[in-house]
Amino acid sequence: MKMRNYIIILLLIISFSSCKDEKRENRTDKINENFSSNLQVDHFNIWVKNANIVKERITEVGFTSVPDSLSEVHTGQGTAGKYFNFLNGYLELIFVYDQNELEENIKKNKSLDFKERANFANNGASPFSLALKLKDYDVEKIPFEKVEYHQNWMDEDSNIYSAINSKTHLKEPSIFVVYPEIESDRFETISDLKNIPDEYAFAREFYKHPNGAKKITNIVITSTDLDLKTETIKVVNGIPNLAVKNGTEHLMELYFDNNIQEKTFDLRPELPLIIYL
């Protein structure tokens, strides 16, 4: 056979192989897209060292916080949170509340990433967590490898499912799926806060911010040395109004109400957060 024919056959084989790879990749992306359409951000966390200072910084730019007296301590987990509620989700500043309890919890749950995330300032881990909720909740529909997690503060026979990648890929945001009973409340408008039962009427005030912020309309998370091709990142980047990308520093950018006020608040260096109102 002439050399020319060998070359033609070789080119055809390479072309066919490339088409197969492209189809396989496209098919995988399509599957991830379908899975992502069933997911939504429930809330998001930022790990912090000095929660009081960071909380004060956020309130300085016009956000109302949930009082510390009502803020949750994650009993058995060694962490606690400070909270800011919005009509379609909330921000939690998560921090180590009891180091000994944290260490004991990690001994029981070796696949979880709490210790590494809490040490973000020293190990370069992303300080961000994304809590996702699943439409028509079914554990089998969670589209990434996961580890089951249960703690005393959770409902009996209910679990949170954390992405395995959150332990092995520390440059990624920590990702987990909550169960329906602990999903955050959603409101379309401020007037819908009347749906909060009267016995909890005081909680309506926690959604009203002097700076006018109402709904989160976009979240952009930047990480360093990020692998954008992992299954978890592909899934997360398929969720509407959420993007995780590579950059030179760990940073979260929060957009409220489509940046209607055209105001920007950069909370660095106290917090890796930029707010657009």
Protein backbone atom coordinates (compact mmCIF):
# COMPACT_ATOMS: atom_id res chain seq x y z
CA MET A 1 0.00 0.00 0.00
CA LYS A 2 1.33 3.43 -0.89
CA MET A 3 2.44 5.78 1.85
CA ARG A 4 -0.31 8.24 0.84
CA ASN A 5 -2.99 5.64 1.59
CA TYR A 6 -1.46 4.92 5.01
CA ILE A 7 -1.64 8.60 5.83
CA ILE A 8 -5.29 8.85 4.72
CA ILE A 9 -6.28 5.82 6.82
CA LEU A 10 -4.38 7.18 9.83
CA LEU A 11 -6.13 10.54 9.53
CA LEU A 12 -9.52 8.84 9.33
CA ILE A 13 -8.80 6.80 12.47
CA ILE A 14 -7.67 9.90 14.38
CA SER A 15 -10.71 11.83 13.19
CA PHE A 16 -13.10 9.04 14.18
CA SER A 17 -11.47 8.70 17.59
CA SER A 18 -11.70 12.45 18.18
CA CYS A 19 -15.39 12.44 17.25
CA LYS A 20 -16.03 9.65 19.74
CA ASP A 21 -14.20 11.55 22.49
CA GLU A 22 -16.09 14.72 21.64
CA LYS A 23 -19.43 12.93 21.67
CA ARG A 24 -18.57 11.26 24.97
CA GLU A 25 -17.56 14.60 26.50
CA ASN A 26 -20.66 16.33 25.15
CA ARG A 27 -22.83 13.51 26.48
CA THR A 28 -21.21 13.81 29.94
CA ASP A 29 -21.67 17.59 29.92
CA LYS A 30 -25.31 17.10 28.95
CA ILE A 31 -25.82 14.69 31.85
CA ASN A 32 -24.18 17.17 34.24
CA GLU A 33 -26.38 19.94 32.87
CA ASN A 34 -29.50 17.85 33.50
CA PHE A 35 -28.38 17.07 37.03
CA SER A 36 -27.51 20.72 37.66
CA SER A 37 -31.00 21.81 36.64
CA ASN A 38 -32.31 19.91 39.69
CA LEU A 39 -29.96 21.77 42.04
CA GLN A 40 -30.23 25.20 43.61
CA VAL A 41 -28.14 27.13 46.13
CA ASP A 42 -29.82 26.92 49.53
CA HIS A 43 -27.24 28.99 51.40
CA PHE A 44 -23.50 29.59 51.46
CA ASN A 45 -20.79 29.71 54.12
CA ILE A 46 -17.56 31.58 54.56
CA TRP A 47 -15.08 30.17 57.07
CA VAL A 48 -13.69 32.95 59.26
CA LYS A 49 -11.22 33.28 62.11
CA ASN A 50 -12.66 36.26 63.97
CA ALA A 51 -16.40 36.08 63.45
CA ASN A 52 -17.20 39.16 65.55
CA ILE A 53 -14.97 41.48 63.54
CA VAL A 54 -16.21 40.10 60.22
CA LYS A 55 -19.85 40.33 61.28
CA GLU A 56 -19.35 43.97 62.27
CA ARG A 57 -17.75 44.69 58.89
CA ILE A 58 -20.83 43.34 57.07
CA THR A 59 -23.28 45.25 59.25
CA GLU A 60 -21.29 48.45 58.60
CA VAL A 61 -22.35 48.32 54.94
CA GLY A 62 -26.03 48.07 55.82
CA PHE A 63 -26.90 44.42 56.43
CA THR A 64 -29.05 43.20 59.32
CA SER A 65 -27.68 40.16 61.14
CA VAL A 66 -29.54 37.49 63.04
CA PRO A 67 -28.81 38.18 66.75
CA ASP A 68 -26.08 36.04 68.28
CA SER A 69 -28.57 34.83 70.89
CA LEU A 70 -30.50 33.11 68.08
CA SER A 71 -27.48 31.95 66.08
CA GLU A 72 -26.87 28.25 65.89
CA VAL A 73 -24.15 26.27 67.62
CA HIS A 74 -23.56 23.00 65.76
CA THR A 75 -23.49 20.76 68.80
CA GLY A 76 -21.09 17.84 68.37
CA GLN A 77 -19.45 19.44 65.35
CA GLY A 78 -17.34 22.04 67.13
CA THR A 79 -18.53 24.93 64.95
CA ALA A 80 -21.01 27.79 65.15
CA GLY A 81 -22.36 30.39 62.76
CA LYS A 82 -23.38 34.02 62.44
CA TYR A 83 -26.16 34.61 59.92
CA PHE A 84 -27.49 37.10 57.39
CA ASN A 85 -30.90 36.26 55.87
CA PHE A 86 -32.08 37.21 52.40
CA LEU A 87 -35.36 36.49 50.63
CA ASN A 88 -33.87 33.55 48.72
CA GLY A 89 -31.11 32.22 50.93
CA TYR A 90 -28.65 33.20 53.64
CA LEU A 91 -24.98 33.78 54.36
CA GLU A 92 -23.39 31.94 57.26
CA LEU A 93 -20.08 32.98 58.76
CA ILE A 94 -18.86 29.66 60.10
CA PHE A 95 -16.09 29.37 62.67
CA VAL A 96 -14.57 26.96 65.19
CA TYR A 97 -16.51 27.21 68.43
CA ASP A 98 -14.87 24.35 70.31
CA GLN A 99 -11.54 23.02 68.99
CA ASN A 100 -11.65 19.83 71.08
CA GLU A 101 -15.15 19.02 69.87
CA LEU A 102 -14.06 19.69 66.29
CA GLU A 103 -11.14 17.26 66.66
CA GLU A 104 -13.36 14.56 68.16
CA ASN A 105 -15.87 14.96 65.37
CA ILE A 106 -13.15 14.58 62.73
CA LYS A 107 -11.99 11.32 64.34
CA LYS A 108 -15.50 9.95 63.80
CA ASN A 109 -15.93 11.46 60.34
CA LYS A 110 -12.58 11.15 58.60
CA SER A 111 -14.02 11.88 55.14
CA LEU A 112 -15.23 15.36 56.12
CA ASP A 113 -13.26 18.54 55.51
CA PHE A 114 -14.07 20.70 58.55
CA LYS A 115 -10.54 20.69 59.96
CA GLU A 116 -8.93 21.57 56.62
CA ARG A 117 -11.44 24.32 55.83
CA ALA A 118 -11.09 25.82 59.29
CA ASN A 119 -7.33 25.99 58.67
CA PHE A 120 -7.77 27.85 55.34
CA ALA A 121 -5.40 30.66 56.29
CA ASN A 122 -2.47 28.22 56.57
CA ASN A 123 -3.18 25.55 53.94
CA GLY A 124 -4.61 27.63 51.08
CA ALA A 125 -7.99 25.86 51.10
CA SER A 126 -11.03 27.67 49.77
CA PRO A 127 -12.89 29.22 52.71
CA PHE A 128 -16.23 28.95 50.89
CA SER A 129 -18.97 26.32 51.20
CA LEU A 130 -22.03 25.88 49.02
CA ALA A 131 -25.09 24.25 50.55
CA LEU A 132 -27.27 22.92 47.75
CA LYS A 133 -30.85 21.72 47.74
CA LEU A 134 -32.28 19.17 45.37
CA LYS A 135 -35.57 19.43 43.54
CA ASP A 136 -37.81 16.40 44.31
CA TYR A 137 -35.26 15.34 46.91
CA ASP A 138 -33.81 11.89 46.34
CA VAL A 139 -30.34 10.93 47.60
CA GLU A 140 -29.78 8.87 44.45
CA LYS A 141 -30.12 12.03 42.36
CA ILE A 142 -27.12 13.72 43.97
CA PRO A 143 -24.80 13.95 40.95
CA PHE A 144 -21.38 13.52 42.54
CA GLU A 145 -19.57 11.09 44.82
CA LYS A 146 -20.66 11.82 48.34
CA VAL A 147 -20.27 10.89 51.98
CA GLU A 148 -23.15 10.69 54.44
CA TYR A 149 -22.97 12.86 57.52
CA HIS A 150 -25.20 12.95 60.60
CA GLN A 151 -24.86 15.01 63.77
CA ASN A 152 -26.95 15.40 66.92
CA TRP A 153 -28.34 18.79 65.87
CA MET A 154 -29.90 17.23 62.74
CA ASP A 155 -33.30 15.57 62.51
CA GLU A 156 -33.34 11.90 63.42
CA ASP A 157 -32.73 9.59 60.44
CA SER A 158 -31.76 12.60 58.29
CA ASN A 159 -28.35 13.29 56.81
CA ILE A 160 -26.35 15.88 54.95
CA TYR A 161 -24.38 14.58 51.97
CA SER A 162 -20.98 16.13 51.41
CA ALA A 163 -19.02 15.86 48.16
CA ILE A 164 -16.00 13.58 48.54
CA ASN A 165 -14.06 16.13 46.49
CA SER A 166 -14.47 18.64 49.31
CA LYS A 167 -11.93 16.62 51.31
CA THR A 168 -9.57 15.76 48.44
CA HIS A 169 -9.77 18.97 46.37
CA LEU A 170 -9.35 21.78 48.89
CA LYS A 171 -9.11 24.46 46.19
CA GLU A 172 -12.75 23.77 45.34
CA PRO A 173 -15.49 25.29 47.48
CA SER A 174 -16.80 22.76 49.97
CA ILE A 175 -20.04 21.35 48.54
CA PHE A 176 -22.88 19.56 50.31
CA VAL A 177 -26.59 18.82 49.88
CA VAL A 178 -29.07 19.55 52.67
CA TYR A 179 -32.26 17.57 53.30
CA PRO A 180 -35.69 19.24 52.83
CA GLU A 181 -36.46 19.83 56.51
CA ILE A 182 -33.51 22.21 56.90
CA GLU A 183 -33.80 24.01 53.56
CA SER A 184 -34.00 27.79 53.93
CA ASP A 185 -37.33 29.58 53.57
CA ARG A 186 -37.95 31.44 50.30
CA PHE A 187 -39.93 34.63 49.75
CA GLU A 188 -40.68 36.41 46.50
CA THR A 189 -41.13 39.87 48.01
CA ILE A 190 -40.74 41.66 51.33
CA SER A 191 -44.53 41.61 51.73
CA ASP A 192 -44.43 37.80 51.63
CA LEU A 193 -42.66 37.84 54.99
CA LYS A 194 -46.17 37.94 56.46
CA ASN A 195 -46.20 34.19 55.78
CA ILE A 196 -43.81 33.73 58.68
CA PRO A 197 -46.08 32.63 61.56
CA ASP A 198 -47.00 35.39 64.00
CA GLU A 199 -45.29 33.56 66.85
CA TYR A 200 -42.03 34.15 64.94
CA ALA A 201 -42.94 37.62 63.71
CA PHE A 202 -39.70 39.01 65.15
CA ALA A 203 -37.80 37.00 62.50
CA ARG A 204 -39.35 39.11 59.71
CA GLU A 205 -37.03 41.94 60.66
CA PHE A 206 -33.94 39.85 59.94
CA TYR A 207 -34.73 39.94 56.21
CA LYS A 208 -34.93 43.74 56.06
CA HIS A 209 -31.63 45.46 55.35
CA PRO A 210 -31.02 49.23 55.61
CA ASN A 211 -28.98 49.09 52.38
CA GLY A 212 -32.02 47.79 50.49
CA ALA A 213 -30.67 44.31 49.62
CA LYS A 214 -33.41 41.75 49.02
CA LYS A 215 -32.49 38.82 46.75
CA ILE A 216 -29.21 37.20 45.76
CA THR A 217 -29.16 37.21 41.96
CA ASN A 218 -25.65 35.97 41.20
CA ILE A 219 -22.75 34.30 43.01
CA VAL A 220 -19.23 34.18 41.57
CA ILE A 221 -16.54 32.26 43.45
CA THR A 222 -12.89 32.51 42.49
CA SER A 223 -10.36 29.91 43.60
CA THR A 224 -6.66 29.41 43.00
CA ASP A 225 -5.19 26.41 41.13
CA LEU A 226 -8.67 25.04 40.49
CA ASP A 227 -9.37 22.01 38.30
CA LEU A 228 -12.47 23.05 36.37
CA LYS A 229 -12.96 19.55 34.94
CA THR A 230 -13.87 17.67 38.13
CA GLU A 231 -17.42 16.31 38.29
CA THR A 232 -18.34 18.54 41.23
CA ILE A 233 -17.19 21.75 39.53
CA LYS A 234 -18.93 20.80 36.28
CA VAL A 235 -22.16 20.23 38.18
CA VAL A 236 -21.86 23.42 40.22
CA ASN A 237 -21.09 25.51 37.13
CA GLY A 238 -24.30 24.22 35.57
CA ILE A 239 -26.45 25.75 38.32
CA PRO A 240 -28.10 29.01 37.20
CA ASN A 241 -26.67 32.24 38.62
CA LEU A 242 -23.63 30.48 40.07
CA ALA A 243 -20.09 30.33 38.73
CA VAL A 244 -16.82 28.96 40.08
CA LYS A 245 -13.68 30.06 38.25
CA ASN A 246 -9.90 30.26 38.51
CA GLY A 247 -8.11 33.39 39.68
CA THR A 248 -5.27 34.76 41.74
CA GLU A 249 -7.03 34.68 45.12
CA HIS A 250 -9.96 33.14 46.95
CA LEU A 251 -12.86 35.54 46.50
CA MET A 252 -16.66 35.54 46.59
CA GLU A 253 -18.67 38.13 44.67
CA LEU A 254 -22.32 38.51 45.68
CA TYR A 255 -24.81 40.33 43.47
CA PHE A 256 -28.09 41.52 44.94
CA ASP A 257 -31.16 42.48 42.91
CA ASN A 258 -29.15 42.49 39.65
CA ASN A 259 -26.92 45.31 40.97
CA ILE A 260 -29.84 47.73 40.55
CA GLN A 261 -28.26 50.35 42.86
CA GLU A 262 -24.89 50.15 41.07
CA LYS A 263 -23.08 50.17 44.41
CA THR A 264 -20.02 48.09 45.31
CA PHE A 265 -18.59 47.20 48.72
CA ASP A 266 -15.21 45.48 48.88
CA LEU A 267 -14.83 43.88 52.32
CA ARG A 268 -11.23 42.79 51.87
CA PRO A 269 -8.93 42.28 53.74
CA GLU A 270 -11.22 41.40 56.66
CA LEU A 271 -13.31 39.12 54.42
CA PRO A 272 -12.73 37.80 50.87
CA LEU A 273 -16.05 39.22 49.72
CA ILE A 274 -17.22 41.89 47.28
CA ILE A 275 -20.87 42.92 47.41
CA TYR A 276 -22.78 44.47 44.52
CA LEU A 277 -26.09 46.16 45.35
